[in-house]
Amino acid sequence: MSVQEMIAEFPKLTLGERLKLIELLSVSVQRELKVKVDDHVTRSSNVDKLIGMLKPANGIVPNDEEVTQIIYESILEKHA
C-alpha cells in the first residue's frame, strides 16, 4: 500500500484504529531516532578514543622530518 493510499484510508478507520496506528507510527519513529542517537554517541566516543591514542606521550607532534627519521630508524631496526 502506498503512502497516498494510506492517507486516503485513514479517515475511514474507526477512532480506535486511528489511535492505534498513530501509536505504532510514534513507537517506530522513536526507535529509529534512538538508534541514530545511540550510533552517533558511539561514533563520537570512538573518535575521542582514537584521538587519544594518536596523541604523543610528550604532547609534541613530530614534524615531517622527524617522522621520516622515526620511520627510517624503525626500518633499520627491523631489518638489521
C-alpha atoms as a PDB file:
ATOM      1  CA  MET A   1       0.000   0.000   0.000  1.00  0.00           C
ATOM      2  CA  SER A   2       1.389   3.378  -0.957  1.00  0.00           C
ATOM      3  CA  VAL A   3       1.530   6.384   1.344  1.00  0.00           C
ATOM      4  CA  GLN A   4      -1.167   8.099  -0.729  1.00  0.00           C
ATOM      5  CA  GLU A   5      -3.453   5.076  -0.302  1.00  0.00           C
ATOM      6  CA  MET A   6      -2.837   5.013   3.465  1.00  0.00           C
ATOM      7  CA  ILE A   7      -3.635   8.724   3.713  1.00  0.00           C
ATOM      8  CA  ALA A   8      -6.858   8.195   1.772  1.00  0.00           C
ATOM      9  CA  GLU A   9      -7.875   5.261   4.009  1.00  0.00           C
ATOM     10  CA  PHE A  10      -7.002   6.916   7.320  1.00  0.00           C
ATOM     11  CA  PRO A  11     -10.256   8.911   7.708  1.00  0.00           C
ATOM     12  CA  LYS A  12     -12.274   5.734   7.043  1.00  0.00           C
ATOM     13  CA  LEU A  13     -10.793   3.982  10.097  1.00  0.00           C
ATOM     14  CA  THR A  14     -12.512   3.985  13.461  1.00  0.00           C
ATOM     15  CA  LEU A  15     -11.183   6.262  16.179  1.00  0.00           C
ATOM     16  CA  GLY A  16      -9.612   3.287  17.947  1.00  0.00           C
ATOM     17  CA  GLU A  17      -7.909   2.098  14.757  1.00  0.00           C
ATOM     18  CA  ARG A  18      -6.564   5.588  14.047  1.00  0.00           C
ATOM     19  CA  LEU A  19      -5.217   5.927  17.590  1.00  0.00           C
ATOM     20  CA  LYS A  20      -3.561   2.502  17.347  1.00  0.00           C
ATOM     21  CA  LEU A  21      -1.980   3.452  14.012  1.00  0.00           C
ATOM     22  CA  ILE A  22      -0.696   6.736  15.442  1.00  0.00           C
ATOM     23  CA  GLU A  23       0.763   4.869  18.429  1.00  0.00           C
ATOM     24  CA  LEU A  24       2.511   2.329  16.178  1.00  0.00           C
ATOM     25  CA  LEU A  25       3.959   5.088  13.999  1.00  0.00           C
ATOM     26  CA  SER A  26       5.149   7.004  17.064  1.00  0.00           C
ATOM     27  CA  VAL A  27       6.883   3.963  18.558  1.00  0.00           C
ATOM     28  CA  SER A  28       8.505   3.147  15.225  1.00  0.00           C
ATOM     29  CA  VAL A  29       9.859   6.671  14.775  1.00  0.00           C
ATOM     30  CA  GLN A  30      11.088   6.838  18.389  1.00  0.00           C
ATOM     31  CA  ARG A  31      13.001   3.561  17.976  1.00  0.00           C
ATOM     32  CA  GLU A  32      14.635   4.740  14.757  1.00  0.00           C
ATOM     33  CA  LEU A  33      15.636   8.064  16.312  1.00  0.00           C
ATOM     34  CA  LYS A  34      17.063   6.286  19.375  1.00  0.00           C
ATOM     35  CA  VAL A  35      19.206   4.027  17.181  1.00  0.00           C
ATOM     36  CA  LYS A  36      20.540   7.045  15.285  1.00  0.00           C
ATOM     37  CA  VAL A  37      21.318   8.917  18.514  1.00  0.00           C
ATOM     38  CA  ASP A  38      22.981   5.841  20.070  1.00  0.00           C
ATOM     39  CA  ASP A  39      25.014   5.287  16.894  1.00  0.00           C
ATOM     40  CA  HIS A  40      26.143   8.921  16.881  1.00  0.00           C
ATOM     41  CA  VAL A  41      27.164   8.751  20.554  1.00  0.00           C
ATOM     42  CA  THR A  42      29.127   5.541  19.897  1.00  0.00           C
ATOM     43  CA  ARG A  43      30.895   7.084  16.896  1.00  0.00           C
ATOM     44  CA  SER A  44      31.748  10.227  18.850  1.00  0.00           C
ATOM     45  CA  SER A  45      33.142   8.128  21.678  1.00  0.00           C
ATOM     46  CA  ASN A  46      35.236   6.069  19.270  1.00  0.00           C
ATOM     47  CA  VAL A  47      36.636   9.217  17.648  1.00  0.00           C
ATOM     48  CA  ASP A  48      37.605  10.577  21.071  1.00  0.00           C
ATOM     49  CA  LYS A  49      39.400   7.311  21.867  1.00  0.00           C
ATOM     50  CA  LEU A  50      41.209   7.365  18.532  1.00  0.00           C
ATOM     51  CA  ILE A  51      42.373  10.942  19.033  1.00  0.00           C
ATOM     52  CA  GLY A  52      43.620   9.976  22.478  1.00  0.00           C
ATOM     53  CA  MET A  53      45.588   7.058  21.044  1.00  0.00           C
ATOM     54  CA  LEU A  54      47.217   9.259  18.400  1.00  0.00           C
ATOM     55  CA  LYS A  55      48.289  11.935  20.862  1.00  0.00           C
ATOM     56  CA  PRO A  56      52.038  11.659  21.545  1.00  0.00           C
ATOM     57  CA  ALA A  57      53.068  10.862  25.130  1.00  0.00           C
ATOM     58  CA  ASN A  58      55.094  14.066  25.458  1.00  0.00           C
ATOM     59  CA  GLY A  59      52.357  16.152  23.811  1.00  0.00           C
ATOM     60  CA  ILE A  60      54.662  17.323  20.999  1.00  0.00           C
ATOM     61  CA  VAL A  61      53.695  16.338  17.473  1.00  0.00           C
ATOM     62  CA  PRO A  62      56.754  15.475  15.335  1.00  0.00           C
ATOM     63  CA  ASN A  63      57.295  17.386  12.107  1.00  0.00           C
ATOM     64  CA  ASP A  64      57.705  15.696   8.712  1.00  0.00           C
ATOM     65  CA  GLU A  65      61.485  15.346   9.011  1.00  0.00           C
ATOM     66  CA  GLU A  66      61.205  13.753  12.449  1.00  0.00           C
ATOM     67  CA  VAL A  67      58.547  11.320  11.212  1.00  0.00           C
ATOM     68  CA  THR A  68      60.784  10.356   8.283  1.00  0.00           C
ATOM     69  CA  GLN A  69      63.672   9.781  10.702  1.00  0.00           C
ATOM     70  CA  ILE A  70      61.494   7.672  13.012  1.00  0.00           C
ATOM     71  CA  ILE A  71      60.353   5.526  10.085  1.00  0.00           C
ATOM     72  CA  TYR A  72      63.917   5.186   8.808  1.00  0.00           C
ATOM     73  CA  GLU A  73      65.197   4.087  12.227  1.00  0.00           C
ATOM     74  CA  SER A  74      62.317   1.644  12.626  1.00  0.00           C
ATOM     75  CA  ILE A  75      63.075   0.037   9.259  1.00  0.00           C
ATOM     76  CA  LEU A  76      66.797  -0.188  10.126  1.00  0.00           C
ATOM     77  CA  GLU A  77      65.962  -1.817  13.468  1.00  0.00           C
ATOM     78  CA  LYS A  78      63.602  -4.291  11.855  1.00  0.00           C
ATOM     79  CA  HIS A  79      65.958  -5.373   9.073  1.00  0.00           C
ATOM     80  CA  ALA A  80      69.331  -5.050  10.786  1.00  0.00           C
END
